[in-house]
Amino acid sequence: ASEATTSDAAGQTQDLLAWTLGGDGQAVTVVASVVAELAGGGNSNSFVMTGNFRRVAGVVTQVGDTPIQKNPLQSAAPNATMVVTGASVYVRATGVAASTYGWRAESSATQVSA
């Protein structure tokens, strides 16, 4: 299990958590819970997501979709998703312009080698 906390200002994009698939034939399933709270309180948003990824010939790809359950409590809501960059999978958070959010992410990853 992994966890991270951070804050952003003015709609920044940040990577909260990362997993690196070390060798070809590896696969990982990542389950992440993310909460964004507007500075000063009053509004929060939550996300629960599950993603499946594999590494073949040095390239990590997503397997299928990453279903995301979003619970926004405001119209201009921040966002969280999973993305692949190189040999790593990231939980990525994006804030809202002119707003500061505190972020907390917790996750678990199940990794299998071929």
N, C-alpha and C. Protein backbone atom coordinates (compact mmCIF):
# COMPACT_ATOMS: atom_id res chain seq x y z
N ALA A 1 0.84 -1.19 0.00
CA ALA A 1 0.00 0.00 0.00
C ALA A 1 0.88 1.24 0.00
N SER A 2 0.41 2.29 -0.64
CA SER A 2 1.14 3.55 -0.71
C SER A 2 0.18 4.69 -0.39
N GLU A 3 0.74 5.80 0.09
CA GLU A 3 -0.09 6.98 0.30
C GLU A 3 0.74 8.22 0.06
N ALA A 4 0.05 9.31 -0.28
CA ALA A 4 0.72 10.59 -0.53
C ALA A 4 -0.22 11.72 -0.20
N THR A 5 0.34 12.84 0.23
CA THR A 5 -0.43 14.05 0.43
C THR A 5 0.32 15.21 -0.21
N THR A 6 -0.42 16.19 -0.72
CA THR A 6 0.19 17.36 -1.34
C THR A 6 -0.88 18.44 -1.47
N SER A 7 -0.49 19.60 -1.95
CA SER A 7 -1.47 20.64 -2.24
C SER A 7 -1.10 21.28 -3.57
N ASP A 8 -2.07 21.95 -4.19
CA ASP A 8 -1.82 22.62 -5.46
C ASP A 8 -2.47 23.99 -5.43
N ALA A 9 -2.04 24.84 -6.33
CA ALA A 9 -2.63 26.16 -6.47
C ALA A 9 -2.85 26.44 -7.96
N ALA A 10 -3.94 27.08 -8.28
CA ALA A 10 -4.23 27.55 -9.64
C ALA A 10 -4.27 26.45 -10.69
N GLY A 11 -4.82 25.31 -10.35
CA GLY A 11 -5.06 24.28 -11.35
C GLY A 11 -3.86 23.47 -11.78
N GLN A 12 -2.86 23.35 -10.95
CA GLN A 12 -1.68 22.56 -11.28
C GLN A 12 -2.03 21.09 -11.45
N THR A 13 -1.21 20.41 -12.26
CA THR A 13 -1.29 18.96 -12.40
C THR A 13 -0.12 18.36 -11.64
N GLN A 14 -0.42 17.34 -10.81
CA GLN A 14 0.63 16.71 -10.01
C GLN A 14 0.46 15.20 -10.04
N ASP A 15 1.59 14.50 -10.01
CA ASP A 15 1.56 13.05 -9.87
C ASP A 15 1.66 12.72 -8.40
N LEU A 16 0.66 12.02 -7.87
CA LEU A 16 0.60 11.73 -6.45
C LEU A 16 1.32 10.44 -6.09
N LEU A 17 1.13 9.39 -6.85
CA LEU A 17 1.71 8.08 -6.57
C LEU A 17 2.20 7.48 -7.87
N ALA A 18 3.20 6.58 -7.78
CA ALA A 18 3.74 5.95 -8.98
C ALA A 18 4.13 4.50 -8.71
N TRP A 19 4.00 3.68 -9.75
CA TRP A 19 4.48 2.30 -9.72
C TRP A 19 5.28 2.09 -10.99
N THR A 20 6.45 1.47 -10.86
CA THR A 20 7.29 1.20 -12.02
C THR A 20 7.30 -0.30 -12.27
N LEU A 21 6.97 -0.68 -13.50
CA LEU A 21 7.02 -2.08 -13.89
C LEU A 21 8.43 -2.36 -14.39
N GLY A 22 9.16 -3.19 -13.66
CA GLY A 22 10.58 -3.38 -13.89
C GLY A 22 10.97 -4.19 -15.08
N GLY A 23 10.22 -5.21 -15.44
CA GLY A 23 10.64 -6.07 -16.53
C GLY A 23 9.49 -6.46 -17.43
N ASP A 24 9.86 -6.91 -18.63
CA ASP A 24 8.84 -7.36 -19.56
C ASP A 24 8.06 -8.53 -18.98
N GLY A 25 6.81 -8.59 -19.31
CA GLY A 25 5.95 -9.65 -18.83
C GLY A 25 5.27 -9.32 -17.51
N GLN A 26 5.62 -8.22 -16.89
CA GLN A 26 4.98 -7.85 -15.62
C GLN A 26 3.63 -7.21 -15.88
N ALA A 27 2.72 -7.46 -14.96
CA ALA A 27 1.39 -6.85 -15.00
C ALA A 27 1.08 -6.35 -13.60
N VAL A 28 0.31 -5.28 -13.53
CA VAL A 28 -0.06 -4.71 -12.23
C VAL A 28 -1.51 -4.24 -12.28
N THR A 29 -2.22 -4.47 -11.19
CA THR A 29 -3.54 -3.90 -10.99
C THR A 29 -3.42 -2.92 -9.84
N VAL A 30 -3.82 -1.68 -10.09
CA VAL A 30 -3.72 -0.61 -9.09
C VAL A 30 -5.12 -0.17 -8.70
N VAL A 31 -5.38 -0.09 -7.39
CA VAL A 31 -6.63 0.44 -6.87
C VAL A 31 -6.27 1.67 -6.04
N ALA A 32 -6.85 2.82 -6.37
CA ALA A 32 -6.50 4.07 -5.69
C ALA A 32 -7.75 4.81 -5.24
N SER A 33 -7.65 5.40 -4.06
CA SER A 33 -8.67 6.31 -3.53
C SER A 33 -8.02 7.68 -3.38
N VAL A 34 -8.67 8.72 -3.89
CA VAL A 34 -8.11 10.06 -3.87
C VAL A 34 -9.17 11.03 -3.34
N VAL A 35 -8.75 11.93 -2.46
CA VAL A 35 -9.65 12.97 -1.95
C VAL A 35 -8.99 14.32 -2.18
N ALA A 36 -9.77 15.27 -2.69
CA ALA A 36 -9.32 16.65 -2.86
C ALA A 36 -10.20 17.53 -1.99
N GLU A 37 -9.58 18.35 -1.15
CA GLU A 37 -10.35 19.26 -0.30
C GLU A 37 -9.93 20.70 -0.57
N LEU A 38 -10.90 21.54 -0.85
CA LEU A 38 -10.64 22.95 -1.10
C LEU A 38 -10.08 23.59 0.16
N ALA A 39 -9.00 24.38 0.01
CA ALA A 39 -8.39 25.06 1.15
C ALA A 39 -9.44 25.89 1.86
N GLY A 40 -9.45 25.84 3.17
CA GLY A 40 -10.44 26.55 3.95
C GLY A 40 -11.70 25.74 4.20
N GLY A 41 -11.76 24.53 3.61
CA GLY A 41 -12.90 23.64 3.83
C GLY A 41 -14.09 23.99 2.98
N GLY A 42 -15.14 23.28 3.20
CA GLY A 42 -16.39 23.56 2.51
C GLY A 42 -16.67 22.67 1.32
N ASN A 43 -15.67 22.34 0.52
CA ASN A 43 -15.88 21.49 -0.64
C ASN A 43 -14.81 20.41 -0.69
N SER A 44 -15.24 19.19 -0.96
CA SER A 44 -14.29 18.11 -1.19
C SER A 44 -14.82 17.24 -2.32
N ASN A 45 -13.92 16.53 -2.94
CA ASN A 45 -14.25 15.63 -4.04
C ASN A 45 -13.49 14.34 -3.83
N SER A 46 -14.12 13.22 -4.17
CA SER A 46 -13.45 11.94 -3.99
C SER A 46 -13.49 11.13 -5.28
N PHE A 47 -12.50 10.26 -5.42
CA PHE A 47 -12.34 9.43 -6.61
C PHE A 47 -11.88 8.04 -6.16
N VAL A 48 -12.45 7.01 -6.74
CA VAL A 48 -11.98 5.64 -6.54
C VAL A 48 -11.78 5.06 -7.93
N MET A 49 -10.59 4.51 -8.19
CA MET A 49 -10.30 4.02 -9.53
C MET A 49 -9.51 2.72 -9.49
N THR A 50 -9.67 1.92 -10.52
CA THR A 50 -8.96 0.66 -10.68
C THR A 50 -8.39 0.60 -12.09
N GLY A 51 -7.09 0.34 -12.20
CA GLY A 51 -6.47 0.24 -13.52
C GLY A 51 -5.62 -1.00 -13.64
N ASN A 52 -5.58 -1.57 -14.84
CA ASN A 52 -4.76 -2.73 -15.14
C ASN A 52 -3.73 -2.35 -16.20
N PHE A 53 -2.48 -2.74 -15.97
CA PHE A 53 -1.39 -2.33 -16.85
C PHE A 53 -0.43 -3.50 -17.04
N ARG A 54 0.29 -3.51 -18.18
CA ARG A 54 1.29 -4.55 -18.43
C ARG A 54 2.47 -3.96 -19.18
N ARG A 55 3.61 -4.67 -19.08
CA ARG A 55 4.81 -4.23 -19.78
C ARG A 55 5.22 -5.31 -20.77
N VAL A 56 5.33 -4.91 -22.04
CA VAL A 56 5.75 -5.81 -23.12
C VAL A 56 6.75 -5.06 -23.97
N ALA A 57 7.89 -5.67 -24.25
CA ALA A 57 8.95 -5.08 -25.08
C ALA A 57 9.34 -3.69 -24.57
N GLY A 58 9.39 -3.53 -23.24
CA GLY A 58 9.84 -2.28 -22.65
C GLY A 58 8.79 -1.18 -22.58
N VAL A 59 7.58 -1.48 -23.05
CA VAL A 59 6.53 -0.46 -23.10
C VAL A 59 5.38 -0.86 -22.17
N VAL A 60 4.98 0.07 -21.29
CA VAL A 60 3.83 -0.17 -20.41
C VAL A 60 2.58 0.34 -21.11
N THR A 61 1.56 -0.49 -21.13
CA THR A 61 0.28 -0.09 -21.71
C THR A 61 -0.84 -0.39 -20.73
N GLN A 62 -1.91 0.35 -20.88
CA GLN A 62 -3.10 0.11 -20.08
C GLN A 62 -3.90 -1.02 -20.71
N VAL A 63 -4.45 -1.89 -19.89
CA VAL A 63 -5.27 -2.99 -20.37
C VAL A 63 -6.72 -2.65 -20.06
N GLY A 64 -7.50 -2.37 -21.08
CA GLY A 64 -8.90 -1.99 -20.87
C GLY A 64 -9.01 -0.56 -20.37
N ASP A 65 -10.16 -0.24 -19.81
CA ASP A 65 -10.43 1.09 -19.28
C ASP A 65 -10.08 1.17 -17.80
N THR A 66 -9.96 2.39 -17.30
CA THR A 66 -9.80 2.62 -15.87
C THR A 66 -11.11 3.22 -15.36
N PRO A 67 -11.99 2.36 -14.81
CA PRO A 67 -13.23 2.92 -14.29
C PRO A 67 -12.95 3.84 -13.09
N ILE A 68 -13.58 5.01 -13.10
CA ILE A 68 -13.38 5.98 -12.03
C ILE A 68 -14.74 6.38 -11.48
N GLN A 69 -14.92 6.16 -10.20
CA GLN A 69 -16.12 6.63 -9.52
C GLN A 69 -15.80 8.00 -8.96
N LYS A 70 -16.51 9.04 -9.45
CA LYS A 70 -16.26 10.41 -9.02
C LYS A 70 -17.43 10.90 -8.18
N ASN A 71 -17.12 11.61 -7.12
CA ASN A 71 -18.14 12.20 -6.28
C ASN A 71 -17.85 13.68 -6.10
N PRO A 72 -18.09 14.48 -7.14
CA PRO A 72 -17.82 15.92 -7.03
C PRO A 72 -18.89 16.63 -6.22
N LEU A 73 -18.47 17.51 -5.36
CA LEU A 73 -19.40 18.27 -4.54
C LEU A 73 -19.46 19.74 -4.95
N GLN A 74 -18.88 20.04 -6.11
CA GLN A 74 -18.94 21.41 -6.62
C GLN A 74 -18.87 21.36 -8.13
N SER A 75 -19.31 22.43 -8.80
CA SER A 75 -19.39 22.39 -10.26
C SER A 75 -18.01 22.46 -10.93
N ALA A 76 -17.11 23.29 -10.43
CA ALA A 76 -15.75 23.37 -10.99
C ALA A 76 -14.87 22.42 -10.19
N ALA A 77 -15.00 21.14 -10.47
CA ALA A 77 -14.36 20.12 -9.65
C ALA A 77 -12.96 19.78 -10.13
N PRO A 78 -12.05 19.48 -9.20
CA PRO A 78 -10.74 18.95 -9.57
C PRO A 78 -10.90 17.54 -10.12
N ASN A 79 -9.83 16.98 -10.66
CA ASN A 79 -9.92 15.66 -11.28
C ASN A 79 -8.73 14.79 -10.88
N ALA A 80 -8.94 13.49 -10.90
CA ALA A 80 -7.86 12.52 -10.66
C ALA A 80 -8.04 11.38 -11.65
N THR A 81 -6.93 10.83 -12.11
CA THR A 81 -6.95 9.74 -13.07
C THR A 81 -5.65 8.94 -12.97
N MET A 82 -5.53 7.88 -13.75
CA MET A 82 -4.29 7.12 -13.86
C MET A 82 -3.73 7.30 -15.25
N VAL A 83 -2.41 7.49 -15.35
CA VAL A 83 -1.75 7.68 -16.64
C VAL A 83 -0.47 6.86 -16.69
N VAL A 84 -0.01 6.57 -17.89
CA VAL A 84 1.25 5.86 -18.11
C VAL A 84 2.27 6.82 -18.69
N THR A 85 3.46 6.84 -18.10
CA THR A 85 4.58 7.59 -18.65
C THR A 85 5.80 6.69 -18.57
N GLY A 86 6.35 6.34 -19.73
CA GLY A 86 7.50 5.44 -19.74
C GLY A 86 7.14 4.08 -19.18
N ALA A 87 7.91 3.63 -18.18
CA ALA A 87 7.68 2.33 -17.56
C ALA A 87 6.90 2.44 -16.26
N SER A 88 6.25 3.59 -16.04
CA SER A 88 5.56 3.82 -14.77
C SER A 88 4.09 4.17 -14.97
N VAL A 89 3.32 3.85 -13.94
CA VAL A 89 1.90 4.20 -13.86
C VAL A 89 1.76 5.22 -12.73
N TYR A 90 1.05 6.31 -12.99
CA TYR A 90 0.89 7.39 -12.01
C TYR A 90 -0.58 7.63 -11.69
N VAL A 91 -0.85 8.02 -10.45
CA VAL A 91 -2.13 8.62 -10.10
C VAL A 91 -1.91 10.12 -10.23
N ARG A 92 -2.63 10.75 -11.15
CA ARG A 92 -2.42 12.17 -11.47
C ARG A 92 -3.63 12.99 -11.03
N ALA A 93 -3.34 14.11 -10.37
CA ALA A 93 -4.37 15.02 -9.87
C ALA A 93 -4.27 16.36 -10.60
N THR A 94 -5.42 16.93 -10.94
CA THR A 94 -5.48 18.24 -11.58
C THR A 94 -6.45 19.13 -10.81
N GLY A 95 -5.96 20.27 -10.34
CA GLY A 95 -6.78 21.20 -9.58
C GLY A 95 -7.62 22.09 -10.47
N VAL A 96 -8.12 23.16 -9.89
CA VAL A 96 -8.98 24.12 -10.59
C VAL A 96 -8.33 25.50 -10.49
N ALA A 97 -8.35 26.25 -11.60
CA ALA A 97 -7.76 27.59 -11.62
C ALA A 97 -8.30 28.44 -10.48
N ALA A 98 -7.43 29.23 -9.90
CA ALA A 98 -7.76 30.18 -8.82
C ALA A 98 -8.25 29.50 -7.54
N SER A 99 -7.91 28.22 -7.38
CA SER A 99 -8.29 27.47 -6.18
C SER A 99 -7.11 26.65 -5.69
N THR A 100 -7.05 26.43 -4.40
CA THR A 100 -6.00 25.59 -3.82
C THR A 100 -6.66 24.40 -3.15
N TYR A 101 -6.18 23.21 -3.49
CA TYR A 101 -6.72 21.97 -2.94
C TYR A 101 -5.64 21.22 -2.17
N GLY A 102 -6.05 20.56 -1.10
CA GLY A 102 -5.21 19.58 -0.44
C GLY A 102 -5.61 18.22 -0.98
N TRP A 103 -4.62 17.41 -1.34
CA TRP A 103 -4.87 16.09 -1.93
C TRP A 103 -4.36 15.01 -1.00
N ARG A 104 -5.07 13.90 -0.93
CA ARG A 104 -4.60 12.71 -0.24
C ARG A 104 -4.96 11.52 -1.12
N ALA A 105 -3.98 10.66 -1.33
CA ALA A 105 -4.19 9.46 -2.14
C ALA A 105 -3.67 8.24 -1.39
N GLU A 106 -4.41 7.18 -1.46
CA GLU A 106 -3.99 5.90 -0.90
C GLU A 106 -4.24 4.84 -1.98
N SER A 107 -3.37 3.86 -2.02
CA SER A 107 -3.50 2.86 -3.06
C SER A 107 -2.91 1.53 -2.65
N SER A 108 -3.28 0.53 -3.42
CA SER A 108 -2.64 -0.77 -3.31
C SER A 108 -2.39 -1.25 -4.73
N ALA A 109 -1.33 -2.00 -4.91
CA ALA A 109 -0.99 -2.51 -6.23
C ALA A 109 -0.65 -4.00 -6.10
N THR A 110 -1.20 -4.79 -7.00
CA THR A 110 -0.88 -6.21 -7.07
C THR A 110 -0.11 -6.43 -8.36
N GLN A 111 1.15 -6.85 -8.22
CA GLN A 111 2.01 -6.99 -9.39
C GLN A 111 2.40 -8.45 -9.56
N VAL A 112 2.39 -8.91 -10.82
CA VAL A 112 2.73 -10.27 -11.15
C VAL A 112 3.81 -10.27 -12.21
N SER A 113 4.80 -11.15 -12.07
CA SER A 113 5.83 -11.30 -13.09
C SER A 113 5.52 -12.54 -13.91
N ALA A 114 5.82 -12.45 -15.20
CA ALA A 114 5.56 -13.59 -16.09
C ALA A 114 6.55 -14.70 -15.84
